[in-house]
Amino acid sequence: MDELAARDTWLNRVHPLAKLLVTLACISVTVSFSKYNLVGLLVMAVYPASLFILNELSFPDALRRLRVVLPLVCMVGLFNPFFDREPAASFGSFTVTYGMISMVTLMMKGILAVLSSYLLVASTGIESLCYALRRLHVPAILGTQILLTCRYISLLLAEADRIVQAYSLRAPRQKGVHFKVWGSLAGQLLLRSMDRANEVYESMSLRGFTGEFYDHPKNAFQWKDAWYLILWLLLIAAARYFWR
């Protein structure tokens, strides 16, 4: 994701605040459609589809990265056909119920929201995204928490893997970790995380980080960013108005 955000493309050069506002507007309008408005959601799919094409992003690669999230999103409306069996249309012997339509719309809402968020992160980067959040006056502690979590979650997972590997070497015939040592291993992971977090905090403090994201010339909001924001907001508003 960092490599995608570091590419020199037109979407990556758009101001992060403009992309964040457009994404929030797109997700808000998408979830505001009624549970039977399938046509409106198909129109809203133009936003992620156009960004994938214009910014030369791989859709199969996005599905691969989101392979864990998308099935969970699709499970939200999985049981709607069993609760809402009122017929909506018939095609020969096959009857389409309102429950089937609501299931598809709920799945589409989740998929479009996830893809819009993916496009935002893939074209912005976590640091620029946190900067945009601060421009919207989101508390600095929340932005710093998001930044540090995304940056150092891999270190936490690596530390947990080392603890589990050390345990398995000392208990080679045992499958998994015995529940009696869950507490002690979790405590060791917590203590190691606190030590590593203190080192990270000292390093950031020595480099002058105070939790704020300051403006610099390349973050200046330009006319092209304003046009990007205005154009997409008008298109999203038109889609919500004409396909309500």
C-alpha atoms as a PDB file:
ATOM      1  CA  MET A   1       0.000   0.000   0.000  1.00  0.00           C
ATOM      2  CA  ASP A   2       2.900   2.382   0.696  1.00  0.00           C
ATOM      3  CA  GLU A   3       4.329   1.614  -2.728  1.00  0.00           C
ATOM      4  CA  LEU A   4       0.981   2.394  -4.381  1.00  0.00           C
ATOM      5  CA  ALA A   5       0.712   5.668  -2.458  1.00  0.00           C
ATOM      6  CA  ALA A   6       4.262   6.654  -3.486  1.00  0.00           C
ATOM      7  CA  ARG A   7       3.531   6.427  -7.220  1.00  0.00           C
ATOM      8  CA  ASP A   8       3.655   9.648  -9.233  1.00  0.00           C
ATOM      9  CA  THR A   9       0.137   9.580 -10.708  1.00  0.00           C
ATOM     10  CA  TRP A  10      -2.483  12.300 -11.101  1.00  0.00           C
ATOM     11  CA  LEU A  11      -4.649  10.869  -8.309  1.00  0.00           C
ATOM     12  CA  ASN A  12      -1.701  10.591  -5.934  1.00  0.00           C
ATOM     13  CA  ARG A  13      -0.904  14.259  -6.592  1.00  0.00           C
ATOM     14  CA  VAL A  14      -4.406  15.412  -5.593  1.00  0.00           C
ATOM     15  CA  HIS A  15      -4.529  17.043  -2.169  1.00  0.00           C
ATOM     16  CA  PRO A  16      -5.326  14.451   0.537  1.00  0.00           C
ATOM     17  CA  LEU A  17      -8.052  16.645   2.026  1.00  0.00           C
ATOM     18  CA  ALA A  18      -9.930  16.707  -1.304  1.00  0.00           C
ATOM     19  CA  LYS A  19      -9.705  12.926  -1.650  1.00  0.00           C
ATOM     20  CA  LEU A  20     -10.814  12.398   1.940  1.00  0.00           C
ATOM     21  CA  LEU A  21     -13.872  14.641   1.550  1.00  0.00           C
ATOM     22  CA  VAL A  22     -14.878  12.973  -1.717  1.00  0.00           C
ATOM     23  CA  THR A  23     -14.510   9.523  -0.156  1.00  0.00           C
ATOM     24  CA  LEU A  24     -16.600  10.490   2.870  1.00  0.00           C
ATOM     25  CA  ALA A  25     -19.271  11.957   0.598  1.00  0.00           C
ATOM     26  CA  CYS A  26     -19.286   8.869  -1.606  1.00  0.00           C
ATOM     27  CA  ILE A  27     -19.616   6.461   1.331  1.00  0.00           C
ATOM     28  CA  SER A  28     -22.299   8.601   3.018  1.00  0.00           C
ATOM     29  CA  VAL A  29     -24.408   8.798  -0.139  1.00  0.00           C
ATOM     30  CA  THR A  30     -23.898   5.113  -0.905  1.00  0.00           C
ATOM     31  CA  VAL A  31     -25.224   3.958   2.454  1.00  0.00           C
ATOM     32  CA  SER A  32     -28.105   6.459   2.297  1.00  0.00           C
ATOM     33  CA  PHE A  33     -29.838   4.662  -0.581  1.00  0.00           C
ATOM     34  CA  SER A  34     -32.844   2.544   0.345  1.00  0.00           C
ATOM     35  CA  LYS A  35     -32.394  -1.203   0.623  1.00  0.00           C
ATOM     36  CA  TYR A  36     -34.290  -1.757  -2.627  1.00  0.00           C
ATOM     37  CA  ASN A  37     -32.562   0.922  -4.755  1.00  0.00           C
ATOM     38  CA  LEU A  38     -30.254  -1.267  -6.799  1.00  0.00           C
ATOM     39  CA  VAL A  39     -30.033   1.141  -9.738  1.00  0.00           C
ATOM     40  CA  GLY A  40     -28.725   3.980  -7.566  1.00  0.00           C
ATOM     41  CA  LEU A  41     -25.947   1.773  -6.200  1.00  0.00           C
ATOM     42  CA  LEU A  42     -24.968   0.749  -9.731  1.00  0.00           C
ATOM     43  CA  VAL A  43     -24.615   4.451 -10.563  1.00  0.00           C
ATOM     44  CA  MET A  44     -22.460   4.994  -7.452  1.00  0.00           C
ATOM     45  CA  ALA A  45     -20.162   2.206  -8.643  1.00  0.00           C
ATOM     46  CA  VAL A  46     -18.965   4.640 -11.319  1.00  0.00           C
ATOM     47  CA  TYR A  47     -16.769   6.394  -8.724  1.00  0.00           C
ATOM     48  CA  PRO A  48     -14.489   3.470  -7.761  1.00  0.00           C
ATOM     49  CA  ALA A  49     -14.579   2.023 -11.293  1.00  0.00           C
ATOM     50  CA  SER A  50     -13.419   5.282 -12.872  1.00  0.00           C
ATOM     51  CA  LEU A  51     -10.607   5.739 -10.328  1.00  0.00           C
ATOM     52  CA  PHE A  52      -9.380   2.188 -10.895  1.00  0.00           C
ATOM     53  CA  ILE A  53      -9.231   2.820 -14.640  1.00  0.00           C
ATOM     54  CA  LEU A  54      -7.882   6.378 -14.664  1.00  0.00           C
ATOM     55  CA  ASN A  55      -5.236   5.736 -12.022  1.00  0.00           C
ATOM     56  CA  GLU A  56      -4.178   2.391 -13.544  1.00  0.00           C
ATOM     57  CA  LEU A  57      -4.824   0.391 -10.396  1.00  0.00           C
ATOM     58  CA  SER A  58      -5.278  -3.367 -10.584  1.00  0.00           C
ATOM     59  CA  PHE A  59      -8.764  -4.473  -9.568  1.00  0.00           C
ATOM     60  CA  PRO A  60      -7.741  -8.144  -9.096  1.00  0.00           C
ATOM     61  CA  ASP A  61      -4.895  -6.964  -6.865  1.00  0.00           C
ATOM     62  CA  ALA A  62      -7.390  -4.973  -4.791  1.00  0.00           C
ATOM     63  CA  LEU A  63      -9.609  -8.044  -4.424  1.00  0.00           C
ATOM     64  CA  ARG A  64      -6.579 -10.054  -3.319  1.00  0.00           C
ATOM     65  CA  ARG A  65      -5.669  -7.483  -0.671  1.00  0.00           C
ATOM     66  CA  LEU A  66      -9.284  -7.288   0.531  1.00  0.00           C
ATOM     67  CA  ARG A  67      -9.960 -11.025   0.421  1.00  0.00           C
ATOM     68  CA  VAL A  68     -10.512 -11.149   4.181  1.00  0.00           C
ATOM     69  CA  VAL A  69     -12.735  -8.078   4.482  1.00  0.00           C
ATOM     70  CA  LEU A  70     -15.043  -8.473   1.486  1.00  0.00           C
ATOM     71  CA  PRO A  71     -16.521 -11.880   2.494  1.00  0.00           C
ATOM     72  CA  LEU A  72     -17.336 -10.485   5.935  1.00  0.00           C
ATOM     73  CA  VAL A  73     -19.023  -7.484   4.320  1.00  0.00           C
ATOM     74  CA  CYS A  74     -21.061  -9.702   2.009  1.00  0.00           C
ATOM     75  CA  MET A  75     -22.339 -11.756   4.953  1.00  0.00           C
ATOM     76  CA  VAL A  76     -24.270  -8.755   6.318  1.00  0.00           C
ATOM     77  CA  GLY A  77     -27.363  -9.288   4.164  1.00  0.00           C
ATOM     78  CA  LEU A  78     -27.008 -13.017   3.613  1.00  0.00           C
ATOM     79  CA  PHE A  79     -30.162 -13.917   5.556  1.00  0.00           C
ATOM     80  CA  ASN A  80     -32.456 -11.252   4.110  1.00  0.00           C
ATOM     81  CA  PRO A  81     -34.093 -13.618   1.577  1.00  0.00           C
ATOM     82  CA  PHE A  82     -35.254 -15.816   4.460  1.00  0.00           C
ATOM     83  CA  PHE A  83     -36.935 -12.951   6.341  1.00  0.00           C
ATOM     84  CA  ASP A  84     -38.367 -10.906   3.450  1.00  0.00           C
ATOM     85  CA  ARG A  85     -40.099 -13.289   1.031  1.00  0.00           C
ATOM     86  CA  GLU A  86     -42.493 -10.826  -0.580  1.00  0.00           C
ATOM     87  CA  PRO A  87     -42.344 -11.281  -4.389  1.00  0.00           C
ATOM     88  CA  ALA A  88     -40.928  -8.372  -6.389  1.00  0.00           C
ATOM     89  CA  ALA A  89     -40.808  -9.835  -9.931  1.00  0.00           C
ATOM     90  CA  SER A  90     -41.150 -13.160 -11.686  1.00  0.00           C
ATOM     91  CA  PHE A  91     -39.154 -14.592 -14.580  1.00  0.00           C
ATOM     92  CA  GLY A  92     -40.943 -17.755 -15.604  1.00  0.00           C
ATOM     93  CA  SER A  93     -40.788 -20.135 -12.672  1.00  0.00           C
ATOM     94  CA  PHE A  94     -38.163 -18.038 -10.850  1.00  0.00           C
ATOM     95  CA  THR A  95     -39.436 -15.410  -8.397  1.00  0.00           C
ATOM     96  CA  VAL A  96     -37.298 -12.528  -7.228  1.00  0.00           C
ATOM     97  CA  THR A  97     -38.201 -11.430  -3.716  1.00  0.00           C
ATOM     98  CA  TYR A  98     -37.549  -8.138  -2.002  1.00  0.00           C
ATOM     99  CA  GLY A  99     -35.274 -10.021   0.374  1.00  0.00           C
ATOM    100  CA  MET A 100     -33.003 -10.988  -2.519  1.00  0.00           C
ATOM    101  CA  ILE A 101     -32.879  -7.391  -3.709  1.00  0.00           C
ATOM    102  CA  SER A 102     -32.076  -6.071  -0.230  1.00  0.00           C
ATOM    103  CA  MET A 103     -29.362  -8.730   0.144  1.00  0.00           C
ATOM    104  CA  VAL A 104     -27.680  -7.597  -3.072  1.00  0.00           C
ATOM    105  CA  THR A 105     -27.967  -3.892  -2.171  1.00  0.00           C
ATOM    106  CA  LEU A 106     -26.481  -4.427   1.284  1.00  0.00           C
ATOM    107  CA  MET A 107     -23.591  -6.357  -0.232  1.00  0.00           C
ATOM    108  CA  MET A 108     -23.030  -3.637  -2.818  1.00  0.00           C
ATOM    109  CA  LYS A 109     -23.051  -0.935  -0.158  1.00  0.00           C
ATOM    110  CA  GLY A 110     -20.355  -2.744   1.808  1.00  0.00           C
ATOM    111  CA  ILE A 111     -18.246  -3.525  -1.263  1.00  0.00           C
ATOM    112  CA  LEU A 112     -18.420   0.046  -2.589  1.00  0.00           C
ATOM    113  CA  ALA A 113     -17.538   1.482   0.831  1.00  0.00           C
ATOM    114  CA  VAL A 114     -14.543  -0.842   1.193  1.00  0.00           C
ATOM    115  CA  LEU A 115     -13.309  -0.166  -2.350  1.00  0.00           C
ATOM    116  CA  SER A 116     -13.641   3.609  -1.854  1.00  0.00           C
ATOM    117  CA  SER A 117     -11.596   3.378   1.342  1.00  0.00           C
ATOM    118  CA  TYR A 118      -9.019   1.208  -0.416  1.00  0.00           C
ATOM    119  CA  LEU A 119      -8.656   3.770  -3.214  1.00  0.00           C
ATOM    120  CA  LEU A 120      -8.203   6.529  -0.647  1.00  0.00           C
ATOM    121  CA  VAL A 121      -5.404   4.741   1.203  1.00  0.00           C
ATOM    122  CA  ALA A 122      -3.757   3.413  -1.972  1.00  0.00           C
ATOM    123  CA  SER A 123      -3.552   6.896  -3.493  1.00  0.00           C
ATOM    124  CA  THR A 124      -2.838   8.921  -0.351  1.00  0.00           C
ATOM    125  CA  GLY A 125      -0.739   7.056   2.192  1.00  0.00           C
ATOM    126  CA  ILE A 126      -1.329   6.893   5.897  1.00  0.00           C
ATOM    127  CA  GLU A 127       0.749   9.982   6.764  1.00  0.00           C
ATOM    128  CA  SER A 128      -1.050  12.203   4.255  1.00  0.00           C
ATOM    129  CA  LEU A 129      -4.367  10.754   5.380  1.00  0.00           C
ATOM    130  CA  CYS A 130      -3.639  11.645   9.013  1.00  0.00           C
ATOM    131  CA  TYR A 131      -2.621  15.123   7.840  1.00  0.00           C
ATOM    132  CA  ALA A 132      -6.007  15.486   6.108  1.00  0.00           C
ATOM    133  CA  LEU A 133      -7.775  14.364   9.281  1.00  0.00           C
ATOM    134  CA  ARG A 134      -5.988  17.073  11.229  1.00  0.00           C
ATOM    135  CA  ARG A 135      -7.090  19.634   8.635  1.00  0.00           C
ATOM    136  CA  LEU A 136     -10.642  18.564   9.507  1.00  0.00           C
ATOM    137  CA  HIS A 137      -9.809  19.219  13.197  1.00  0.00           C
ATOM    138  CA  VAL A 138      -9.820  15.565  14.187  1.00  0.00           C
ATOM    139  CA  PRO A 139      -8.038  15.322  17.583  1.00  0.00           C
ATOM    140  CA  ALA A 140      -4.279  14.998  17.216  1.00  0.00           C
ATOM    141  CA  ILE A 141      -4.136  12.002  19.552  1.00  0.00           C
ATOM    142  CA  LEU A 142      -6.490  10.081  17.257  1.00  0.00           C
ATOM    143  CA  GLY A 143      -4.447  10.888  14.152  1.00  0.00           C
ATOM    144  CA  THR A 144      -1.227   9.891  15.896  1.00  0.00           C
ATOM    145  CA  GLN A 145      -2.828   6.658  17.092  1.00  0.00           C
ATOM    146  CA  ILE A 146      -3.906   5.735  13.557  1.00  0.00           C
ATOM    147  CA  LEU A 147      -0.475   6.589  12.153  1.00  0.00           C
ATOM    148  CA  LEU A 148       1.487   4.600  14.720  1.00  0.00           C
ATOM    149  CA  THR A 149      -0.878   1.632  14.583  1.00  0.00           C
ATOM    150  CA  CYS A 150      -0.553   1.329  10.792  1.00  0.00           C
ATOM    151  CA  ARG A 151       3.194   1.839  10.912  1.00  0.00           C
ATOM    152  CA  TYR A 152       4.111  -0.504  13.766  1.00  0.00           C
ATOM    153  CA  ILE A 153       1.445  -3.220  13.705  1.00  0.00           C
ATOM    154  CA  SER A 154       3.906  -5.381  11.754  1.00  0.00           C
ATOM    155  CA  LEU A 155       6.416  -5.120  14.625  1.00  0.00           C
ATOM    156  CA  LEU A 156       3.763  -6.269  17.095  1.00  0.00           C
ATOM    157  CA  LEU A 157       2.882  -9.253  14.916  1.00  0.00           C
ATOM    158  CA  ALA A 158       6.551 -10.140  14.497  1.00  0.00           C
ATOM    159  CA  GLU A 159       7.060  -9.987  18.273  1.00  0.00           C
ATOM    160  CA  ALA A 160       4.045 -12.229  18.842  1.00  0.00           C
ATOM    161  CA  ASP A 161       5.373 -14.682  16.242  1.00  0.00           C
ATOM    162  CA  ARG A 162       8.729 -14.846  18.031  1.00  0.00           C
ATOM    163  CA  ILE A 163       7.010 -15.590  21.350  1.00  0.00           C
ATOM    164  CA  VAL A 164       4.905 -18.364  19.830  1.00  0.00           C
ATOM    165  CA  GLN A 165       7.942 -19.805  18.036  1.00  0.00           C
ATOM    166  CA  ALA A 166       9.976 -19.811  21.253  1.00  0.00           C
ATOM    167  CA  TYR A 167       7.112 -21.569  23.042  1.00  0.00           C
ATOM    168  CA  SER A 168       6.787 -24.204  20.307  1.00  0.00           C
ATOM    169  CA  LEU A 169      10.526 -24.950  20.488  1.00  0.00           C
ATOM    170  CA  ARG A 170      10.193 -25.617  24.208  1.00  0.00           C
ATOM    171  CA  ALA A 171       7.075 -27.769  23.712  1.00  0.00           C
ATOM    172  CA  PRO A 172       7.686 -29.549  20.389  1.00  0.00           C
ATOM    173  CA  ARG A 173       5.029 -32.246  20.856  1.00  0.00           C
ATOM    174  CA  GLN A 174       2.257 -29.854  21.791  1.00  0.00           C
ATOM    175  CA  LYS A 175      -0.184 -28.516  19.234  1.00  0.00           C
ATOM    176  CA  GLY A 176      -0.746 -24.805  19.675  1.00  0.00           C
ATOM    177  CA  VAL A 177      -0.340 -22.852  22.895  1.00  0.00           C
ATOM    178  CA  HIS A 178      -1.827 -24.355  26.056  1.00  0.00           C
ATOM    179  CA  PHE A 179      -4.506 -22.156  27.606  1.00  0.00           C
ATOM    180  CA  LYS A 180      -2.707 -22.180  30.992  1.00  0.00           C
ATOM    181  CA  VAL A 181       0.110 -20.022  29.570  1.00  0.00           C
ATOM    182  CA  TRP A 182      -2.057 -17.600  27.609  1.00  0.00           C
ATOM    183  CA  GLY A 183      -1.914 -15.039  30.404  1.00  0.00           C
ATOM    184  CA  SER A 184       1.855 -15.159  30.848  1.00  0.00           C
ATOM    185  CA  LEU A 185       2.536 -14.972  27.111  1.00  0.00           C
ATOM    186  CA  ALA A 186       0.128 -12.061  26.728  1.00  0.00           C
ATOM    187  CA  GLY A 187       1.878 -10.339  29.629  1.00  0.00           C
ATOM    188  CA  GLN A 188       5.269 -10.818  27.990  1.00  0.00           C
ATOM    189  CA  LEU A 189       3.923  -9.409  24.734  1.00  0.00           C
ATOM    190  CA  LEU A 190       2.510  -6.401  26.599  1.00  0.00           C
ATOM    191  CA  LEU A 191       5.818  -5.717  28.386  1.00  0.00           C
ATOM    192  CA  ARG A 192       7.831  -6.014  25.167  1.00  0.00           C
ATOM    193  CA  SER A 193       5.351  -3.749  23.373  1.00  0.00           C
ATOM    194  CA  MET A 194       5.657  -1.133  26.109  1.00  0.00           C
ATOM    195  CA  ASP A 195       9.456  -1.226  25.880  1.00  0.00           C
ATOM    196  CA  ARG A 196       9.371  -0.890  22.107  1.00  0.00           C
ATOM    197  CA  ALA A 197       6.749   1.882  22.311  1.00  0.00           C
ATOM    198  CA  ASN A 198       8.945   3.823  24.743  1.00  0.00           C
ATOM    199  CA  GLU A 199      11.885   3.562  22.334  1.00  0.00           C
ATOM    200  CA  VAL A 200       9.725   4.769  19.451  1.00  0.00           C
ATOM    201  CA  TYR A 201       8.429   7.674  21.550  1.00  0.00           C
ATOM    202  CA  GLU A 202      11.949   8.758  22.531  1.00  0.00           C
ATOM    203  CA  SER A 203      13.119   8.575  18.913  1.00  0.00           C
ATOM    204  CA  MET A 204      10.165  10.638  17.677  1.00  0.00           C
ATOM    205  CA  SER A 205      10.625  13.195  20.446  1.00  0.00           C
ATOM    206  CA  LEU A 206      14.306  13.602  19.584  1.00  0.00           C
ATOM    207  CA  ARG A 207      13.262  14.332  16.000  1.00  0.00           C
ATOM    208  CA  GLY A 208      10.883  17.057  17.138  1.00  0.00           C
ATOM    209  CA  PHE A 209       7.553  15.282  16.648  1.00  0.00           C
ATOM    210  CA  THR A 210       4.809  16.776  18.834  1.00  0.00           C
ATOM    211  CA  GLY A 211       1.738  15.046  17.386  1.00  0.00           C
ATOM    212  CA  GLU A 212       0.961  17.727  14.814  1.00  0.00           C
ATOM    213  CA  PHE A 213       1.184  17.520  11.015  1.00  0.00           C
ATOM    214  CA  TYR A 214       2.473  20.846   9.749  1.00  0.00           C
ATOM    215  CA  ASP A 215       1.828  22.318   6.317  1.00  0.00           C
ATOM    216  CA  HIS A 216       4.590  22.385   3.739  1.00  0.00           C
ATOM    217  CA  PRO A 217       4.602  23.640   0.113  1.00  0.00           C
ATOM    218  CA  LYS A 218       3.667  20.347  -1.528  1.00  0.00           C
ATOM    219  CA  ASN A 219       0.565  20.149   0.682  1.00  0.00           C
ATOM    220  CA  ALA A 220      -0.828  23.465  -0.570  1.00  0.00           C
ATOM    221  CA  PHE A 221      -4.451  23.226  -1.663  1.00  0.00           C
ATOM    222  CA  GLN A 222      -4.500  24.273  -5.335  1.00  0.00           C
ATOM    223  CA  TRP A 223      -7.175  24.980  -7.927  1.00  0.00           C
ATOM    224  CA  LYS A 224      -6.887  21.511  -9.446  1.00  0.00           C
ATOM    225  CA  ASP A 225      -7.672  20.026  -6.043  1.00  0.00           C
ATOM    226  CA  ALA A 226     -10.690  22.299  -5.686  1.00  0.00           C
ATOM    227  CA  TRP A 227     -11.964  21.272  -9.129  1.00  0.00           C
ATOM    228  CA  TYR A 228     -11.494  17.598  -8.271  1.00  0.00           C
ATOM    229  CA  LEU A 229     -13.508  18.092  -5.096  1.00  0.00           C
ATOM    230  CA  ILE A 230     -16.262  20.178  -6.691  1.00  0.00           C
ATOM    231  CA  LEU A 231     -16.673  17.904  -9.719  1.00  0.00           C
ATOM    232  CA  TRP A 232     -17.035  14.719  -7.728  1.00  0.00           C
ATOM    233  CA  LEU A 233     -19.336  16.313  -5.154  1.00  0.00           C
ATOM    234  CA  LEU A 234     -21.613  17.542  -7.961  1.00  0.00           C
ATOM    235  CA  LEU A 235     -21.652  14.107  -9.611  1.00  0.00           C
ATOM    236  CA  ILE A 236     -22.365  12.360  -6.312  1.00  0.00           C
ATOM    237  CA  ALA A 237     -25.143  14.834  -5.465  1.00  0.00           C
ATOM    238  CA  ALA A 238     -26.653  14.377  -8.938  1.00  0.00           C
ATOM    239  CA  ALA A 239     -26.595  10.598  -8.557  1.00  0.00           C
ATOM    240  CA  ARG A 240     -28.369  10.851  -5.210  1.00  0.00           C
ATOM    241  CA  TYR A 241     -30.968  13.284  -6.559  1.00  0.00           C
ATOM    242  CA  PHE A 242     -31.886  11.576  -9.839  1.00  0.00           C
ATOM    243  CA  TRP A 243     -31.767   7.965  -8.608  1.00  0.00           C
ATOM    244  CA  ARG A 244     -33.351   8.383  -5.206  1.00  0.00           C
END
